Amino acid sequence: MKNLSLVLNAVLLIAVGVLYYIHFAPKSSGESSGSTSFDIGELKVAYINSDSVMEKYDYLKARVEVLEAKRNKIEQDFRNRAESLEKEIQAYQRNVNNMTVGQVRAVEEDLGKKQQNLQLFEQSATQELMNDQSKLNKELYDRITAFLSKYGKEKGLHIVLKWDTTSDVLYGVEALDITPDVVSGLNAEYAAEKNQ
């Protein structure tokens, strides 16, 4: 039994040695590691100032106007509902002394339900606006990245970075800034899309 254990340990030691050699041995020049070789000296990088793109992109301006109009409409609707409920509460408080106990309970129950409905409306409206904003952010991201993909291929770029106050890009020479070209291209695509 002791010999069997020694033989197994020897076989395992040889197997570990073979695996170590296979893993760490230098690859011959004929073998491919699966990745494309790339000379870092050939790397073409550019960046966009995302704040400027957001400020000057006509599509975003148009969508923000629509979103703001919807937000204003919802806020006005909420104010109207809240004022109506407030008037009902004030009327109840003025007339409570002239009501029977049953009437008081019924009116209080009704006002409580209206208060809950108002809160549900507010929560629902807030959620809807958040969903609209999230959808707009995704559309914006998709539109800009699709444009940058085409632009990058046309210009032979390998990487396009985003520069803003929260990004990791702290400095870039102006020659690498493609923001004006990108804004112009995005606006041209949007104008063509609108005219269709």
C-alpha atoms as a PDB file:
ATOM      1  CA  MET A   1       0.000   0.000   0.000  1.00  0.00           C
ATOM      2  CA  LYS A   2       2.902   2.295   0.835  1.00  0.00           C
ATOM      3  CA  ASN A   3       4.471   1.622  -2.582  1.00  0.00           C
ATOM      4  CA  LEU A   4       1.205   2.466  -4.336  1.00  0.00           C
ATOM      5  CA  SER A   5       1.102   5.818  -2.571  1.00  0.00           C
ATOM      6  CA  LEU A   6       4.693   6.561  -3.623  1.00  0.00           C
ATOM      7  CA  VAL A   7       3.952   5.629  -7.236  1.00  0.00           C
ATOM      8  CA  LEU A   8       0.840   7.856  -7.314  1.00  0.00           C
ATOM      9  CA  ASN A   9       2.773  10.784  -5.823  1.00  0.00           C
ATOM     10  CA  ALA A  10       5.532  10.336  -8.411  1.00  0.00           C
ATOM     11  CA  VAL A  11       3.001  10.257 -11.278  1.00  0.00           C
ATOM     12  CA  LEU A  12       1.262  13.371  -9.947  1.00  0.00           C
ATOM     13  CA  LEU A  13       4.605  15.166  -9.559  1.00  0.00           C
ATOM     14  CA  ILE A  14       5.530  14.367 -13.175  1.00  0.00           C
ATOM     15  CA  ALA A  15       2.075  15.515 -14.377  1.00  0.00           C
ATOM     16  CA  VAL A  16       2.422  18.829 -12.535  1.00  0.00           C
ATOM     17  CA  GLY A  17       5.900  19.302 -14.039  1.00  0.00           C
ATOM     18  CA  VAL A  18       4.592  18.663 -17.570  1.00  0.00           C
ATOM     19  CA  LEU A  19       1.683  21.094 -17.081  1.00  0.00           C
ATOM     20  CA  TYR A  20       4.064  23.708 -15.690  1.00  0.00           C
ATOM     21  CA  TYR A  21       6.369  23.342 -18.693  1.00  0.00           C
ATOM     22  CA  ILE A  22       3.462  23.504 -21.187  1.00  0.00           C
ATOM     23  CA  HIS A  23       2.017  26.605 -19.561  1.00  0.00           C
ATOM     24  CA  PHE A  24       5.223  28.611 -19.091  1.00  0.00           C
ATOM     25  CA  ALA A  25       7.328  27.444 -22.050  1.00  0.00           C
ATOM     26  CA  PRO A  26       7.921  30.136 -24.702  1.00  0.00           C
ATOM     27  CA  LYS A  27       5.738  29.720 -27.758  1.00  0.00           C
ATOM     28  CA  SER A  28       7.476  29.168 -31.068  1.00  0.00           C
ATOM     29  CA  SER A  29       7.046  31.863 -33.752  1.00  0.00           C
ATOM     30  CA  GLY A  30       4.787  29.573 -35.785  1.00  0.00           C
ATOM     31  CA  GLU A  31       2.210  29.318 -33.006  1.00  0.00           C
ATOM     32  CA  SER A  32      -0.572  31.843 -32.750  1.00  0.00           C
ATOM     33  CA  SER A  33      -1.740  32.973 -29.352  1.00  0.00           C
ATOM     34  CA  GLY A  34      -5.201  33.807 -30.713  1.00  0.00           C
ATOM     35  CA  SER A  35      -4.839  37.571 -30.513  1.00  0.00           C
ATOM     36  CA  THR A  36      -4.059  39.971 -33.304  1.00  0.00           C
ATOM     37  CA  SER A  37      -0.603  41.478 -33.112  1.00  0.00           C
ATOM     38  CA  PHE A  38      -0.536  45.237 -33.017  1.00  0.00           C
ATOM     39  CA  ASP A  39       2.310  47.719 -32.993  1.00  0.00           C
ATOM     40  CA  ILE A  40       1.536  50.315 -30.331  1.00  0.00           C
ATOM     41  CA  GLY A  41       3.247  52.913 -32.498  1.00  0.00           C
ATOM     42  CA  GLU A  42       0.431  52.521 -35.019  1.00  0.00           C
ATOM     43  CA  LEU A  43      -2.276  53.298 -32.466  1.00  0.00           C
ATOM     44  CA  LYS A  44      -4.570  56.164 -33.526  1.00  0.00           C
ATOM     45  CA  VAL A  45      -6.472  57.748 -30.668  1.00  0.00           C
ATOM     46  CA  ALA A  46      -8.946  60.623 -30.544  1.00  0.00           C
ATOM     47  CA  TYR A  47     -11.331  62.002 -27.975  1.00  0.00           C
ATOM     48  CA  ILE A  48     -14.617  63.845 -27.796  1.00  0.00           C
ATOM     49  CA  ASN A  49     -15.671  66.380 -25.205  1.00  0.00           C
ATOM     50  CA  SER A  50     -18.953  64.815 -24.119  1.00  0.00           C
ATOM     51  CA  ASP A  51     -20.240  68.016 -22.531  1.00  0.00           C
ATOM     52  CA  SER A  52     -19.874  69.858 -25.838  1.00  0.00           C
ATOM     53  CA  VAL A  53     -21.540  67.029 -27.747  1.00  0.00           C
ATOM     54  CA  MET A  54     -24.500  67.073 -25.339  1.00  0.00           C
ATOM     55  CA  GLU A  55     -24.765  70.842 -25.570  1.00  0.00           C
ATOM     56  CA  LYS A  56     -24.634  71.035 -29.375  1.00  0.00           C
ATOM     57  CA  TYR A  57     -26.356  67.836 -30.551  1.00  0.00           C
ATOM     58  CA  ASP A  58     -29.679  68.878 -32.131  1.00  0.00           C
ATOM     59  CA  TYR A  59     -31.290  65.457 -31.598  1.00  0.00           C
ATOM     60  CA  LEU A  60     -30.701  65.731 -27.867  1.00  0.00           C
ATOM     61  CA  LYS A  61     -32.032  69.295 -27.772  1.00  0.00           C
ATOM     62  CA  ALA A  62     -35.240  68.203 -29.512  1.00  0.00           C
ATOM     63  CA  ARG A  63     -35.718  65.181 -27.254  1.00  0.00           C
ATOM     64  CA  VAL A  64     -35.055  67.211 -24.101  1.00  0.00           C
ATOM     65  CA  GLU A  65     -37.717  69.717 -25.182  1.00  0.00           C
ATOM     66  CA  VAL A  66     -40.240  66.895 -25.587  1.00  0.00           C
ATOM     67  CA  LEU A  67     -39.268  65.418 -22.223  1.00  0.00           C
ATOM     68  CA  GLU A  68     -39.503  68.813 -20.500  1.00  0.00           C
ATOM     69  CA  ALA A  69     -42.947  69.459 -22.017  1.00  0.00           C
ATOM     70  CA  LYS A  70     -44.115  66.087 -20.718  1.00  0.00           C
ATOM     71  CA  ARG A  71     -42.614  66.808 -17.275  1.00  0.00           C
ATOM     72  CA  ASN A  72     -44.336  70.212 -17.152  1.00  0.00           C
ATOM     73  CA  LYS A  73     -47.689  68.679 -18.160  1.00  0.00           C
ATOM     74  CA  ILE A  74     -47.399  66.000 -15.468  1.00  0.00           C
ATOM     75  CA  GLU A  75     -46.382  68.557 -12.833  1.00  0.00           C
ATOM     76  CA  GLN A  76     -49.347  70.770 -13.745  1.00  0.00           C
ATOM     77  CA  ASP A  77     -51.692  67.782 -13.602  1.00  0.00           C
ATOM     78  CA  PHE A  78     -50.297  66.887 -10.171  1.00  0.00           C
ATOM     79  CA  ARG A  79     -50.704  70.474  -8.913  1.00  0.00           C
ATOM     80  CA  ASN A  80     -54.316  70.557 -10.145  1.00  0.00           C
ATOM     81  CA  ARG A  81     -55.105  67.278  -8.399  1.00  0.00           C
ATOM     82  CA  ALA A  82     -53.378  68.396  -5.185  1.00  0.00           C
ATOM     83  CA  GLU A  83     -55.228  71.742  -5.167  1.00  0.00           C
ATOM     84  CA  SER A  84     -58.539  69.981  -5.747  1.00  0.00           C
ATOM     85  CA  LEU A  85     -57.868  67.622  -2.859  1.00  0.00           C
ATOM     86  CA  GLU A  86     -56.803  70.528  -0.647  1.00  0.00           C
ATOM     87  CA  LYS A  87     -60.083  72.327  -1.393  1.00  0.00           C
ATOM     88  CA  GLU A  88     -62.049  69.196  -0.496  1.00  0.00           C
ATOM     89  CA  ILE A  89     -60.130  68.895   2.776  1.00  0.00           C
ATOM     90  CA  GLN A  90     -60.807  72.543   3.609  1.00  0.00           C
ATOM     91  CA  ALA A  91     -64.512  72.118   2.796  1.00  0.00           C
ATOM     92  CA  TYR A  92     -64.603  69.042   5.035  1.00  0.00           C
ATOM     93  CA  GLN A  93     -62.926  70.958   7.885  1.00  0.00           C
ATOM     94  CA  ARG A  94     -65.447  73.806   7.564  1.00  0.00           C
ATOM     95  CA  ASN A  95     -68.451  71.470   7.579  1.00  0.00           C
ATOM     96  CA  VAL A  96     -67.274  68.752   9.988  1.00  0.00           C
ATOM     97  CA  ASN A  97     -69.335  70.178  12.885  1.00  0.00           C
ATOM     98  CA  ASN A  98     -72.545  69.927  10.830  1.00  0.00           C
ATOM     99  CA  MET A  99     -72.009  66.256   9.899  1.00  0.00           C
ATOM    100  CA  THR A 100     -73.087  63.051  11.516  1.00  0.00           C
ATOM    101  CA  VAL A 101     -70.508  60.525  12.697  1.00  0.00           C
ATOM    102  CA  GLY A 102     -71.308  58.304   9.696  1.00  0.00           C
ATOM    103  CA  GLN A 103     -70.850  61.204   7.288  1.00  0.00           C
ATOM    104  CA  VAL A 104     -67.534  62.135   8.903  1.00  0.00           C
ATOM    105  CA  ARG A 105     -66.243  58.573   8.534  1.00  0.00           C
ATOM    106  CA  ALA A 106     -67.373  58.350   4.915  1.00  0.00           C
ATOM    107  CA  VAL A 107     -65.807  61.705   3.981  1.00  0.00           C
ATOM    108  CA  GLU A 108     -62.569  60.906   5.826  1.00  0.00           C
ATOM    109  CA  GLU A 109     -62.378  57.516   4.097  1.00  0.00           C
ATOM    110  CA  ASP A 110     -63.012  59.157   0.727  1.00  0.00           C
ATOM    111  CA  LEU A 111     -60.377  61.830   1.363  1.00  0.00           C
ATOM    112  CA  GLY A 112     -57.896  59.154   2.482  1.00  0.00           C
ATOM    113  CA  LYS A 113     -58.423  57.232  -0.759  1.00  0.00           C
ATOM    114  CA  LYS A 114     -57.984  60.409  -2.792  1.00  0.00           C
ATOM    115  CA  GLN A 115     -54.758  61.154  -0.895  1.00  0.00           C
ATOM    116  CA  GLN A 116     -53.473  57.649  -1.668  1.00  0.00           C
ATOM    117  CA  ASN A 117     -54.445  58.012  -5.327  1.00  0.00           C
ATOM    118  CA  LEU A 118     -52.579  61.307  -5.488  1.00  0.00           C
ATOM    119  CA  GLN A 119     -49.466  59.677  -4.026  1.00  0.00           C
ATOM    120  CA  LEU A 120     -49.764  56.764  -6.467  1.00  0.00           C
ATOM    121  CA  PHE A 121     -50.116  59.213  -9.343  1.00  0.00           C
ATOM    122  CA  GLU A 122     -46.986  61.045  -8.210  1.00  0.00           C
ATOM    123  CA  GLN A 123     -44.995  57.803  -7.894  1.00  0.00           C
ATOM    124  CA  SER A 124     -46.218  56.540 -11.251  1.00  0.00           C
ATOM    125  CA  ALA A 125     -45.446  59.841 -12.984  1.00  0.00           C
ATOM    126  CA  THR A 126     -41.984  59.996 -11.419  1.00  0.00           C
ATOM    127  CA  GLN A 127     -41.259  56.431 -12.525  1.00  0.00           C
ATOM    128  CA  GLU A 128     -42.504  57.165 -16.048  1.00  0.00           C
ATOM    129  CA  LEU A 129     -40.267  60.231 -16.325  1.00  0.00           C
ATOM    130  CA  MET A 130     -37.291  58.255 -15.028  1.00  0.00           C
ATOM    131  CA  ASN A 131     -37.965  55.536 -17.601  1.00  0.00           C
ATOM    132  CA  ASP A 132     -38.196  58.146 -20.356  1.00  0.00           C
ATOM    133  CA  GLN A 133     -34.889  59.666 -19.241  1.00  0.00           C
ATOM    134  CA  SER A 134     -33.251  56.252 -19.131  1.00  0.00           C
ATOM    135  CA  LYS A 135     -34.585  55.426 -22.596  1.00  0.00           C
ATOM    136  CA  LEU A 136     -33.260  58.748 -23.916  1.00  0.00           C
ATOM    137  CA  ASN A 137     -29.831  58.058 -22.398  1.00  0.00           C
ATOM    138  CA  LYS A 138     -29.709  54.651 -24.093  1.00  0.00           C
ATOM    139  CA  GLU A 139     -30.838  56.082 -27.449  1.00  0.00           C
ATOM    140  CA  LEU A 140     -28.239  58.807 -27.158  1.00  0.00           C
ATOM    141  CA  TYR A 141     -25.487  56.331 -26.306  1.00  0.00           C
ATOM    142  CA  ASP A 142     -26.492  54.053 -29.190  1.00  0.00           C
ATOM    143  CA  ARG A 143     -26.636  56.907 -31.705  1.00  0.00           C
ATOM    144  CA  ILE A 144     -23.288  58.377 -30.681  1.00  0.00           C
ATOM    145  CA  THR A 145     -21.447  55.051 -30.539  1.00  0.00           C
ATOM    146  CA  ALA A 146     -22.881  53.993 -33.918  1.00  0.00           C
ATOM    147  CA  PHE A 147     -21.711  57.277 -35.433  1.00  0.00           C
ATOM    148  CA  LEU A 148     -18.294  57.003 -33.781  1.00  0.00           C
ATOM    149  CA  SER A 149     -17.904  53.458 -35.059  1.00  0.00           C
ATOM    150  CA  LYS A 150     -18.447  54.632 -38.650  1.00  0.00           C
ATOM    151  CA  TYR A 151     -16.357  57.751 -38.131  1.00  0.00           C
ATOM    152  CA  GLY A 152     -13.526  55.789 -36.546  1.00  0.00           C
ATOM    153  CA  LYS A 153     -13.402  53.329 -39.442  1.00  0.00           C
ATOM    154  CA  GLU A 154     -13.397  56.161 -41.996  1.00  0.00           C
ATOM    155  CA  LYS A 155     -10.602  58.021 -40.200  1.00  0.00           C
ATOM    156  CA  GLY A 156      -8.593  54.931 -39.264  1.00  0.00           C
ATOM    157  CA  LEU A 157      -9.034  55.453 -35.528  1.00  0.00           C
ATOM    158  CA  HIS A 158      -8.475  52.599 -33.094  1.00  0.00           C
ATOM    159  CA  ILE A 159      -9.845  54.253 -29.973  1.00  0.00           C
ATOM    160  CA  VAL A 160     -12.165  57.204 -29.301  1.00  0.00           C
ATOM    161  CA  LEU A 161     -12.184  58.342 -25.690  1.00  0.00           C
ATOM    162  CA  LYS A 162     -14.761  60.432 -23.873  1.00  0.00           C
ATOM    163  CA  TRP A 163     -13.480  63.476 -22.039  1.00  0.00           C
ATOM    164  CA  ASP A 164     -15.463  65.231 -19.344  1.00  0.00           C
ATOM    165  CA  THR A 165     -14.987  66.138 -15.714  1.00  0.00           C
ATOM    166  CA  THR A 166     -15.750  62.587 -14.552  1.00  0.00           C
ATOM    167  CA  SER A 167     -13.658  60.673 -17.089  1.00  0.00           C
ATOM    168  CA  ASP A 168     -10.204  59.216 -16.638  1.00  0.00           C
ATOM    169  CA  VAL A 169      -8.851  61.316 -19.507  1.00  0.00           C
ATOM    170  CA  LEU A 170      -7.122  64.215 -17.831  1.00  0.00           C
ATOM    171  CA  TYR A 171      -5.314  65.716 -20.784  1.00  0.00           C
ATOM    172  CA  GLY A 172      -5.314  65.488 -24.543  1.00  0.00           C
ATOM    173  CA  VAL A 173      -3.763  67.702 -27.185  1.00  0.00           C
ATOM    174  CA  GLU A 174      -6.288  69.616 -29.260  1.00  0.00           C
ATOM    175  CA  ALA A 175      -5.201  67.801 -32.395  1.00  0.00           C
ATOM    176  CA  LEU A 176      -6.835  64.660 -30.967  1.00  0.00           C
ATOM    177  CA  ASP A 177     -10.122  66.446 -30.206  1.00  0.00           C
ATOM    178  CA  ILE A 178     -12.693  65.389 -32.828  1.00  0.00           C
ATOM    179  CA  THR A 179     -15.671  66.980 -31.048  1.00  0.00           C
ATOM    180  CA  PRO A 180     -16.491  69.550 -33.761  1.00  0.00           C
ATOM    181  CA  ASP A 181     -16.408  66.861 -36.498  1.00  0.00           C
ATOM    182  CA  VAL A 182     -18.546  64.526 -34.410  1.00  0.00           C
ATOM    183  CA  VAL A 183     -21.142  67.191 -33.549  1.00  0.00           C
ATOM    184  CA  SER A 184     -21.306  68.259 -37.181  1.00  0.00           C
ATOM    185  CA  GLY A 185     -21.682  64.650 -38.373  1.00  0.00           C
ATOM    186  CA  LEU A 186     -24.297  63.780 -35.750  1.00  0.00           C
ATOM    187  CA  ASN A 187     -26.330  66.880 -36.587  1.00  0.00           C
ATOM    188  CA  ALA A 188     -26.094  66.133 -40.323  1.00  0.00           C
ATOM    189  CA  GLU A 189     -27.386  62.585 -39.721  1.00  0.00           C
ATOM    190  CA  TYR A 190     -30.223  63.927 -37.566  1.00  0.00           C
ATOM    191  CA  ALA A 191     -31.161  66.579 -40.146  1.00  0.00           C
ATOM    192  CA  ALA A 192     -31.264  63.917 -42.876  1.00  0.00           C
ATOM    193  CA  GLU A 193     -33.376  61.696 -40.631  1.00  0.00           C
ATOM    194  CA  LYS A 194     -35.825  64.551 -39.918  1.00  0.00           C
ATOM    195  CA  ASN A 195     -36.210  65.371 -43.614  1.00  0.00           C
ATOM    196  CA  GLN A 196     -37.180  61.830 -44.573  1.00  0.00           C
END
